[in-house]
Amino acid sequence: MLDRRNFIRLLGLAVVPLATTGSWADAGQSVNTLGSSDGIAIRGYDPVAYFRNGAPRLGKPEFSASHGGATWRFASAEHKALFEADPQRYLPAYGGFCAYGTSRGYLVKIEPEAWSIVNGRLYLNYDLGVRKTWLAKTQTYIARADANWPKLEQDAKN
């Protein structure tokens, strides 16, 4: 099991200081656009594809939509329409930040290939190793992340 010190060591520089400046913090929003100078959410991956295709798929610029202060990309016009009709169904938990990191009290970048859907909700993780840890006690980590998210979300908006 990863303790706080080992988790930070594992993540290296991936832990995001809440006082930092960046596209997501400057915009007063809490959607993870880390690594994108254009405000692209979840590194340009299609949030609907996780549900409809059972796998991550890179979105295309021609199928983009704005929501929550970020640009979301989709693999098809159909996926874009599904998202626009019900964004809450497809949005990743915790603004698209690493769900395990959120459970530990940190906003952390993600790898789109490290994901899971639990009770109809998309959760993203830092990498496949963290995803393995996340999957070992998902319900415990979700409860912790749910408790931490309101403060992290507010801090991210400031």
N, C-alpha and C. Protein backbone atom coordinates (compact mmCIF):
# COMPACT_ATOMS: atom_id res chain seq x y z
N MET A 1 0.85 -1.18 0.00
CA MET A 1 0.00 0.00 0.00
C MET A 1 0.89 1.24 0.00
N LEU A 2 0.48 2.23 -0.76
CA LEU A 2 1.25 3.46 -0.85
C LEU A 2 0.87 4.41 0.28
N ASP A 3 1.86 4.87 1.03
CA ASP A 3 1.58 5.92 2.00
C ASP A 3 1.82 7.26 1.30
N ARG A 4 1.52 8.34 1.97
CA ARG A 4 1.61 9.68 1.38
C ARG A 4 3.00 9.97 0.81
N ARG A 5 4.03 9.68 1.56
CA ARG A 5 5.39 9.97 1.12
C ARG A 5 5.75 9.16 -0.12
N ASN A 6 5.41 7.87 -0.13
CA ASN A 6 5.72 7.04 -1.29
C ASN A 6 4.88 7.42 -2.50
N PHE A 7 3.64 7.85 -2.26
CA PHE A 7 2.79 8.29 -3.36
C PHE A 7 3.39 9.52 -4.02
N ILE A 8 3.83 10.49 -3.21
CA ILE A 8 4.45 11.69 -3.76
C ILE A 8 5.73 11.32 -4.50
N ARG A 9 6.52 10.42 -3.93
CA ARG A 9 7.76 9.98 -4.58
C ARG A 9 7.44 9.30 -5.91
N LEU A 10 6.39 8.46 -5.93
CA LEU A 10 5.98 7.78 -7.16
C LEU A 10 5.58 8.80 -8.22
N LEU A 11 4.88 9.83 -7.81
CA LEU A 11 4.40 10.82 -8.76
C LEU A 11 5.47 11.81 -9.20
N GLY A 12 6.50 11.96 -8.41
CA GLY A 12 7.55 12.91 -8.76
C GLY A 12 6.98 14.30 -8.85
N LEU A 13 7.17 14.93 -9.97
CA LEU A 13 6.71 16.31 -10.16
C LEU A 13 5.28 16.40 -10.64
N ALA A 14 4.58 15.29 -10.67
CA ALA A 14 3.21 15.30 -11.19
C ALA A 14 2.21 15.89 -10.21
N VAL A 15 2.56 16.01 -8.94
CA VAL A 15 1.65 16.61 -7.98
C VAL A 15 1.56 18.09 -8.28
N VAL A 16 0.35 18.58 -8.37
CA VAL A 16 0.12 19.96 -8.77
C VAL A 16 -0.06 20.83 -7.54
N PRO A 17 0.84 21.77 -7.32
CA PRO A 17 0.62 22.71 -6.21
C PRO A 17 -0.63 23.53 -6.49
N LEU A 18 -1.46 23.67 -5.50
CA LEU A 18 -2.73 24.36 -5.73
C LEU A 18 -2.56 25.84 -5.99
N ALA A 19 -1.45 26.41 -5.61
CA ALA A 19 -1.24 27.84 -5.83
C ALA A 19 -0.60 28.13 -7.18
N THR A 20 -0.36 27.11 -7.97
CA THR A 20 0.29 27.29 -9.25
C THR A 20 -0.58 28.04 -10.24
N THR A 21 0.04 28.57 -11.26
CA THR A 21 -0.74 29.15 -12.33
C THR A 21 -0.73 28.17 -13.48
N GLY A 22 -1.77 28.21 -14.26
CA GLY A 22 -1.91 27.30 -15.39
C GLY A 22 -3.27 27.53 -15.99
N SER A 23 -3.54 26.94 -17.13
CA SER A 23 -4.79 27.24 -17.82
C SER A 23 -6.01 26.92 -16.96
N TRP A 24 -6.00 25.80 -16.25
CA TRP A 24 -7.18 25.45 -15.46
C TRP A 24 -7.32 26.34 -14.25
N ALA A 25 -6.24 26.70 -13.59
CA ALA A 25 -6.33 27.54 -12.40
C ALA A 25 -6.67 28.98 -12.78
N ASP A 26 -6.07 29.48 -13.85
CA ASP A 26 -6.33 30.85 -14.27
C ASP A 26 -7.77 31.05 -14.69
N ALA A 27 -8.37 30.03 -15.23
CA ALA A 27 -9.73 30.14 -15.75
C ALA A 27 -10.78 30.05 -14.64
N GLY A 28 -10.36 29.78 -13.39
CA GLY A 28 -11.32 29.68 -12.31
C GLY A 28 -12.19 28.45 -12.43
N GLN A 29 -11.66 27.40 -12.98
CA GLN A 29 -12.42 26.18 -13.16
C GLN A 29 -11.62 25.01 -12.62
N SER A 30 -12.28 23.88 -12.48
CA SER A 30 -11.61 22.74 -11.86
C SER A 30 -11.58 21.53 -12.79
N VAL A 31 -11.52 21.75 -14.09
CA VAL A 31 -11.39 20.65 -15.04
C VAL A 31 -9.90 20.49 -15.35
N ASN A 32 -9.44 19.27 -15.33
CA ASN A 32 -8.04 18.96 -15.57
C ASN A 32 -7.69 19.21 -17.03
N THR A 33 -6.92 20.26 -17.26
CA THR A 33 -6.40 20.55 -18.60
C THR A 33 -4.88 20.57 -18.56
N LEU A 34 -4.31 19.90 -17.56
CA LEU A 34 -2.86 19.88 -17.40
C LEU A 34 -2.20 19.30 -18.65
N GLY A 35 -1.14 19.94 -19.09
CA GLY A 35 -0.43 19.49 -20.28
C GLY A 35 -1.01 20.05 -21.56
N SER A 36 -2.02 20.90 -21.45
CA SER A 36 -2.65 21.48 -22.63
C SER A 36 -2.63 23.00 -22.54
N SER A 37 -1.96 23.62 -23.47
CA SER A 37 -1.97 25.09 -23.50
C SER A 37 -3.27 25.62 -24.09
N ASP A 38 -4.06 24.73 -24.70
CA ASP A 38 -5.32 25.12 -25.33
C ASP A 38 -6.55 24.82 -24.49
N GLY A 39 -6.37 24.38 -23.25
CA GLY A 39 -7.51 24.09 -22.39
C GLY A 39 -8.27 22.84 -22.77
N ILE A 40 -7.57 21.85 -23.32
CA ILE A 40 -8.21 20.60 -23.74
C ILE A 40 -8.32 19.67 -22.53
N ALA A 41 -9.52 19.18 -22.26
CA ALA A 41 -9.75 18.27 -21.14
C ALA A 41 -9.27 16.86 -21.45
N ILE A 42 -8.93 16.14 -20.44
CA ILE A 42 -8.43 14.76 -20.43
C ILE A 42 -7.53 14.43 -21.63
N ARG A 43 -6.62 15.38 -21.85
CA ARG A 43 -5.56 15.22 -22.86
C ARG A 43 -6.11 14.93 -24.26
N GLY A 44 -7.31 15.41 -24.52
CA GLY A 44 -7.90 15.26 -25.85
C GLY A 44 -8.64 13.97 -26.08
N TYR A 45 -8.80 13.16 -25.05
CA TYR A 45 -9.52 11.89 -25.20
C TYR A 45 -11.02 12.10 -25.06
N ASP A 46 -11.76 11.28 -25.75
CA ASP A 46 -13.21 11.33 -25.82
C ASP A 46 -13.82 10.69 -24.57
N PRO A 47 -14.49 11.47 -23.70
CA PRO A 47 -15.06 10.87 -22.49
C PRO A 47 -16.19 9.89 -22.78
N VAL A 48 -16.89 10.06 -23.87
CA VAL A 48 -18.00 9.17 -24.22
C VAL A 48 -17.47 7.80 -24.65
N ALA A 49 -16.30 7.75 -25.27
CA ALA A 49 -15.74 6.49 -25.78
C ALA A 49 -15.53 5.47 -24.67
N TYR A 50 -15.18 5.92 -23.48
CA TYR A 50 -14.99 4.97 -22.38
C TYR A 50 -16.27 4.16 -22.15
N PHE A 51 -17.41 4.82 -22.28
CA PHE A 51 -18.70 4.17 -22.04
C PHE A 51 -19.18 3.41 -23.27
N ARG A 52 -19.07 4.02 -24.43
CA ARG A 52 -19.64 3.44 -25.65
C ARG A 52 -18.74 2.41 -26.32
N ASN A 53 -17.41 2.61 -26.22
CA ASN A 53 -16.46 1.71 -26.87
C ASN A 53 -15.72 0.82 -25.87
N GLY A 54 -15.84 1.10 -24.61
CA GLY A 54 -15.16 0.32 -23.59
C GLY A 54 -13.65 0.49 -23.62
N ALA A 55 -13.21 1.62 -24.17
CA ALA A 55 -11.78 1.90 -24.30
C ALA A 55 -11.58 3.38 -24.57
N PRO A 56 -10.41 3.90 -24.19
CA PRO A 56 -10.14 5.31 -24.51
C PRO A 56 -9.90 5.49 -26.00
N ARG A 57 -10.39 6.59 -26.53
CA ARG A 57 -10.15 6.95 -27.93
C ARG A 57 -9.84 8.44 -27.99
N LEU A 58 -8.84 8.77 -28.76
CA LEU A 58 -8.48 10.17 -28.93
C LEU A 58 -9.58 10.88 -29.71
N GLY A 59 -9.97 12.05 -29.23
CA GLY A 59 -10.97 12.84 -29.93
C GLY A 59 -10.35 13.61 -31.09
N LYS A 60 -11.21 14.17 -31.92
CA LYS A 60 -10.78 14.94 -33.09
C LYS A 60 -11.18 16.40 -32.92
N PRO A 61 -10.32 17.31 -33.35
CA PRO A 61 -10.64 18.74 -33.20
C PRO A 61 -11.97 19.13 -33.84
N GLU A 62 -12.35 18.48 -34.92
CA GLU A 62 -13.60 18.87 -35.59
C GLU A 62 -14.85 18.45 -34.79
N PHE A 63 -14.67 17.61 -33.77
CA PHE A 63 -15.78 17.23 -32.90
C PHE A 63 -15.47 17.70 -31.49
N SER A 64 -15.50 19.00 -31.28
CA SER A 64 -15.17 19.62 -30.00
C SER A 64 -16.38 20.33 -29.42
N ALA A 65 -16.42 20.41 -28.10
CA ALA A 65 -17.46 21.15 -27.40
C ALA A 65 -16.84 21.79 -26.16
N SER A 66 -17.37 22.93 -25.77
CA SER A 66 -16.92 23.59 -24.55
C SER A 66 -17.87 23.24 -23.42
N HIS A 67 -17.29 22.94 -22.28
CA HIS A 67 -18.09 22.65 -21.08
C HIS A 67 -17.20 22.82 -19.87
N GLY A 68 -17.71 23.53 -18.87
CA GLY A 68 -16.98 23.67 -17.61
C GLY A 68 -15.66 24.41 -17.75
N GLY A 69 -15.54 25.27 -18.73
CA GLY A 69 -14.32 26.04 -18.91
C GLY A 69 -13.22 25.30 -19.65
N ALA A 70 -13.53 24.15 -20.22
CA ALA A 70 -12.54 23.36 -20.96
C ALA A 70 -13.12 22.96 -22.31
N THR A 71 -12.25 22.56 -23.20
CA THR A 71 -12.67 22.02 -24.49
C THR A 71 -12.58 20.50 -24.43
N TRP A 72 -13.66 19.86 -24.81
CA TRP A 72 -13.74 18.41 -24.82
C TRP A 72 -13.74 17.95 -26.28
N ARG A 73 -12.98 16.93 -26.56
CA ARG A 73 -12.93 16.39 -27.92
C ARG A 73 -13.57 15.02 -27.96
N PHE A 74 -14.14 14.71 -29.13
CA PHE A 74 -14.88 13.47 -29.31
C PHE A 74 -14.43 12.78 -30.60
N ALA A 75 -14.56 11.47 -30.61
CA ALA A 75 -14.14 10.68 -31.77
C ALA A 75 -15.13 10.76 -32.91
N SER A 76 -16.36 11.18 -32.63
CA SER A 76 -17.39 11.24 -33.67
C SER A 76 -18.43 12.30 -33.32
N ALA A 77 -19.21 12.67 -34.33
CA ALA A 77 -20.31 13.62 -34.11
C ALA A 77 -21.35 13.01 -33.18
N GLU A 78 -21.55 11.70 -33.27
CA GLU A 78 -22.50 11.02 -32.38
C GLU A 78 -22.07 11.16 -30.92
N HIS A 79 -20.79 10.95 -30.64
CA HIS A 79 -20.30 11.07 -29.26
C HIS A 79 -20.44 12.50 -28.76
N LYS A 80 -20.15 13.46 -29.63
CA LYS A 80 -20.31 14.87 -29.24
C LYS A 80 -21.77 15.16 -28.88
N ALA A 81 -22.69 14.68 -29.69
CA ALA A 81 -24.12 14.90 -29.44
C ALA A 81 -24.57 14.24 -28.14
N LEU A 82 -24.08 13.04 -27.86
CA LEU A 82 -24.42 12.36 -26.62
C LEU A 82 -23.93 13.17 -25.41
N PHE A 83 -22.71 13.67 -25.49
CA PHE A 83 -22.15 14.47 -24.41
C PHE A 83 -22.95 15.75 -24.22
N GLU A 84 -23.23 16.44 -25.29
CA GLU A 84 -23.97 17.71 -25.19
C GLU A 84 -25.37 17.51 -24.62
N ALA A 85 -25.98 16.37 -24.89
CA ALA A 85 -27.31 16.09 -24.37
C ALA A 85 -27.31 15.77 -22.88
N ASP A 86 -26.21 15.21 -22.37
CA ASP A 86 -26.14 14.82 -20.96
C ASP A 86 -24.69 14.78 -20.48
N PRO A 87 -24.05 15.95 -20.35
CA PRO A 87 -22.63 15.95 -19.98
C PRO A 87 -22.34 15.28 -18.65
N GLN A 88 -23.23 15.41 -17.67
CA GLN A 88 -22.98 14.82 -16.35
C GLN A 88 -22.81 13.30 -16.41
N ARG A 89 -23.43 12.69 -17.38
CA ARG A 89 -23.32 11.23 -17.53
C ARG A 89 -21.91 10.81 -17.94
N TYR A 90 -21.22 11.68 -18.69
CA TYR A 90 -19.93 11.31 -19.28
C TYR A 90 -18.71 11.98 -18.66
N LEU A 91 -18.93 13.04 -17.90
CA LEU A 91 -17.80 13.74 -17.29
C LEU A 91 -17.05 12.82 -16.33
N PRO A 92 -15.72 12.83 -16.37
CA PRO A 92 -14.98 12.04 -15.40
C PRO A 92 -15.11 12.64 -14.00
N ALA A 93 -15.05 11.77 -13.02
CA ALA A 93 -15.12 12.22 -11.62
C ALA A 93 -13.95 13.13 -11.30
N TYR A 94 -14.17 14.00 -10.36
CA TYR A 94 -13.13 14.88 -9.81
C TYR A 94 -12.47 15.74 -10.88
N GLY A 95 -13.28 16.23 -11.80
CA GLY A 95 -12.78 17.13 -12.83
C GLY A 95 -11.78 16.50 -13.79
N GLY A 96 -11.68 15.18 -13.77
CA GLY A 96 -10.73 14.50 -14.64
C GLY A 96 -9.33 14.38 -14.04
N PHE A 97 -9.17 14.78 -12.78
CA PHE A 97 -7.90 14.58 -12.09
C PHE A 97 -7.84 13.13 -11.62
N CYS A 98 -6.65 12.68 -11.26
CA CYS A 98 -6.47 11.31 -10.79
C CYS A 98 -7.36 11.04 -9.58
N ALA A 99 -8.20 10.02 -9.70
CA ALA A 99 -9.13 9.69 -8.63
C ALA A 99 -8.39 9.24 -7.37
N TYR A 100 -7.33 8.45 -7.53
CA TYR A 100 -6.56 8.01 -6.37
C TYR A 100 -5.87 9.22 -5.72
N GLY A 101 -5.29 10.09 -6.52
CA GLY A 101 -4.67 11.29 -5.98
C GLY A 101 -5.67 12.13 -5.21
N THR A 102 -6.87 12.25 -5.74
CA THR A 102 -7.93 12.99 -5.05
C THR A 102 -8.25 12.33 -3.72
N SER A 103 -8.24 11.00 -3.69
CA SER A 103 -8.51 10.30 -2.44
C SER A 103 -7.41 10.57 -1.41
N ARG A 104 -6.23 10.92 -1.88
CA ARG A 104 -5.11 11.21 -1.00
C ARG A 104 -4.96 12.72 -0.72
N GLY A 105 -5.82 13.53 -1.35
CA GLY A 105 -5.81 14.97 -1.09
C GLY A 105 -4.99 15.79 -2.06
N TYR A 106 -4.71 15.24 -3.25
CA TYR A 106 -3.89 15.94 -4.25
C TYR A 106 -4.59 15.99 -5.60
N LEU A 107 -4.35 17.08 -6.33
CA LEU A 107 -4.76 17.16 -7.73
C LEU A 107 -3.58 16.70 -8.58
N VAL A 108 -3.79 15.65 -9.34
CA VAL A 108 -2.71 15.00 -10.07
C VAL A 108 -3.14 14.76 -11.51
N LYS A 109 -2.18 14.87 -12.42
CA LYS A 109 -2.46 14.61 -13.82
C LYS A 109 -2.85 13.15 -14.02
N ILE A 110 -3.32 12.83 -15.21
CA ILE A 110 -3.77 11.46 -15.50
C ILE A 110 -3.15 10.97 -16.80
N GLU A 111 -3.23 9.68 -16.99
CA GLU A 111 -2.97 9.05 -18.27
C GLU A 111 -4.32 8.49 -18.72
N PRO A 112 -4.80 8.87 -19.89
CA PRO A 112 -6.13 8.44 -20.32
C PRO A 112 -6.31 6.92 -20.40
N GLU A 113 -5.23 6.18 -20.51
CA GLU A 113 -5.33 4.72 -20.59
C GLU A 113 -5.53 4.08 -19.22
N ALA A 114 -5.38 4.85 -18.15
CA ALA A 114 -5.55 4.36 -16.78
C ALA A 114 -6.92 4.80 -16.28
N TRP A 115 -7.91 3.97 -16.50
CA TRP A 115 -9.29 4.37 -16.24
C TRP A 115 -10.10 3.20 -15.71
N SER A 116 -11.26 3.53 -15.15
CA SER A 116 -12.24 2.53 -14.76
C SER A 116 -13.60 3.21 -14.72
N ILE A 117 -14.62 2.41 -14.89
CA ILE A 117 -15.99 2.89 -14.72
C ILE A 117 -16.56 2.11 -13.54
N VAL A 118 -17.00 2.85 -12.54
CA VAL A 118 -17.55 2.26 -11.33
C VAL A 118 -18.93 2.86 -11.10
N ASN A 119 -19.93 2.02 -11.04
CA ASN A 119 -21.31 2.48 -10.82
C ASN A 119 -21.69 3.58 -11.81
N GLY A 120 -21.30 3.40 -13.07
CA GLY A 120 -21.67 4.35 -14.11
C GLY A 120 -20.89 5.64 -14.13
N ARG A 121 -19.80 5.72 -13.39
CA ARG A 121 -18.99 6.94 -13.33
C ARG A 121 -17.58 6.65 -13.82
N LEU A 122 -17.03 7.55 -14.63
CA LEU A 122 -15.69 7.40 -15.15
C LEU A 122 -14.68 7.95 -14.16
N TYR A 123 -13.67 7.14 -13.84
CA TYR A 123 -12.58 7.53 -12.96
C TYR A 123 -11.27 7.38 -13.74
N LEU A 124 -10.43 8.40 -13.66
CA LEU A 124 -9.14 8.38 -14.33
C LEU A 124 -8.03 8.32 -13.27
N ASN A 125 -6.90 7.73 -13.65
CA ASN A 125 -5.78 7.61 -12.72
C ASN A 125 -4.49 8.10 -13.35
N TYR A 126 -3.52 8.31 -12.49
CA TYR A 126 -2.20 8.82 -12.87
C TYR A 126 -1.52 7.92 -13.89
N ASP A 127 -1.51 6.63 -13.65
CA ASP A 127 -0.93 5.67 -14.59
C ASP A 127 -1.49 4.29 -14.27
N LEU A 128 -1.05 3.27 -15.00
CA LEU A 128 -1.60 1.93 -14.81
C LEU A 128 -1.23 1.33 -13.46
N GLY A 129 -0.07 1.69 -12.91
CA GLY A 129 0.31 1.21 -11.58
C GLY A 129 -0.60 1.77 -10.50
N VAL A 130 -0.89 3.07 -10.57
CA VAL A 130 -1.81 3.68 -9.61
C VAL A 130 -3.21 3.12 -9.81
N ARG A 131 -3.58 2.87 -11.06
CA ARG A 131 -4.89 2.27 -11.33
C ARG A 131 -5.02 0.92 -10.62
N LYS A 132 -3.97 0.13 -10.62
CA LYS A 132 -4.00 -1.16 -9.94
C LYS A 132 -4.25 -0.97 -8.45
N THR A 133 -3.58 0.00 -7.84
CA THR A 133 -3.82 0.32 -6.44
C THR A 133 -5.26 0.77 -6.23
N TRP A 134 -5.73 1.65 -7.10
CA TRP A 134 -7.10 2.17 -7.06
C TRP A 134 -8.11 1.03 -7.11
N LEU A 135 -7.92 0.08 -7.99
CA LEU A 135 -8.88 -1.01 -8.16
C LEU A 135 -8.92 -1.97 -6.98
N ALA A 136 -7.85 -2.00 -6.17
CA ALA A 136 -7.80 -2.90 -5.03
C ALA A 136 -8.81 -2.53 -3.94
N LYS A 137 -9.11 -1.22 -3.81
CA LYS A 137 -10.03 -0.74 -2.77
C LYS A 137 -10.85 0.42 -3.32
N THR A 138 -11.45 0.21 -4.45
CA THR A 138 -12.13 1.30 -5.14
C THR A 138 -13.16 2.02 -4.27
N GLN A 139 -14.01 1.30 -3.60
CA GLN A 139 -15.07 1.95 -2.81
C GLN A 139 -14.49 2.79 -1.68
N THR A 140 -13.44 2.31 -1.05
CA THR A 140 -12.78 3.08 0.01
C THR A 140 -12.19 4.36 -0.56
N TYR A 141 -11.51 4.25 -1.70
CA TYR A 141 -10.89 5.43 -2.31
C TYR A 141 -11.94 6.41 -2.84
N ILE A 142 -13.04 5.90 -3.35
CA ILE A 142 -14.11 6.80 -3.81
C ILE A 142 -14.66 7.59 -2.63
N ALA A 143 -14.89 6.94 -1.51
CA ALA A 143 -15.41 7.64 -0.32
C ALA A 143 -14.44 8.73 0.12
N ARG A 144 -13.15 8.42 0.13
CA ARG A 144 -12.15 9.41 0.52
C ARG A 144 -12.08 10.56 -0.49
N ALA A 145 -12.09 10.20 -1.77
CA ALA A 145 -12.02 11.24 -2.81
C ALA A 145 -13.26 12.12 -2.78
N ASP A 146 -14.43 11.52 -2.58
CA ASP A 146 -15.66 12.31 -2.48
C ASP A 146 -15.56 13.31 -1.32
N ALA A 147 -14.96 12.89 -0.23
CA ALA A 147 -14.81 13.79 0.92
C ALA A 147 -13.79 14.89 0.64
N ASN A 148 -12.73 14.57 -0.10
CA ASN A 148 -11.67 15.55 -0.39
C ASN A 148 -12.02 16.50 -1.53
N TRP A 149 -12.85 16.06 -2.47
CA TRP A 149 -13.08 16.83 -3.69
C TRP A 149 -13.63 18.24 -3.46
N PRO A 150 -14.59 18.47 -2.58
CA PRO A 150 -15.08 19.85 -2.43
C PRO A 150 -13.98 20.86 -2.11
N LYS A 151 -13.07 20.51 -1.21
CA LYS A 151 -11.98 21.44 -0.88
C LYS A 151 -10.99 21.55 -2.04
N LEU A 152 -10.62 20.42 -2.64
CA LEU A 152 -9.69 20.46 -3.77
C LEU A 152 -10.27 21.25 -4.94
N GLU A 153 -11.55 21.05 -5.19
CA GLU A 153 -12.19 21.78 -6.28
C GLU A 153 -12.19 23.28 -6.00
N GLN A 154 -12.50 23.65 -4.78
CA GLN A 154 -12.49 25.07 -4.42
C GLN A 154 -11.09 25.65 -4.51
N ASP A 155 -10.10 24.93 -4.01
CA ASP A 155 -8.72 25.39 -4.08
C ASP A 155 -8.28 25.56 -5.53
N ALA A 156 -8.70 24.65 -6.40
CA ALA A 156 -8.33 24.71 -7.80
C ALA A 156 -8.93 25.93 -8.48
N LYS A 157 -10.10 26.34 -8.04
CA LYS A 157 -10.77 27.49 -8.66
C LYS A 157 -10.16 28.82 -8.20
N ASN A 158 -9.48 28.80 -7.05
CA ASN A 158 -8.90 30.06 -6.51
C ASN A 158 -7.59 30.39 -7.14
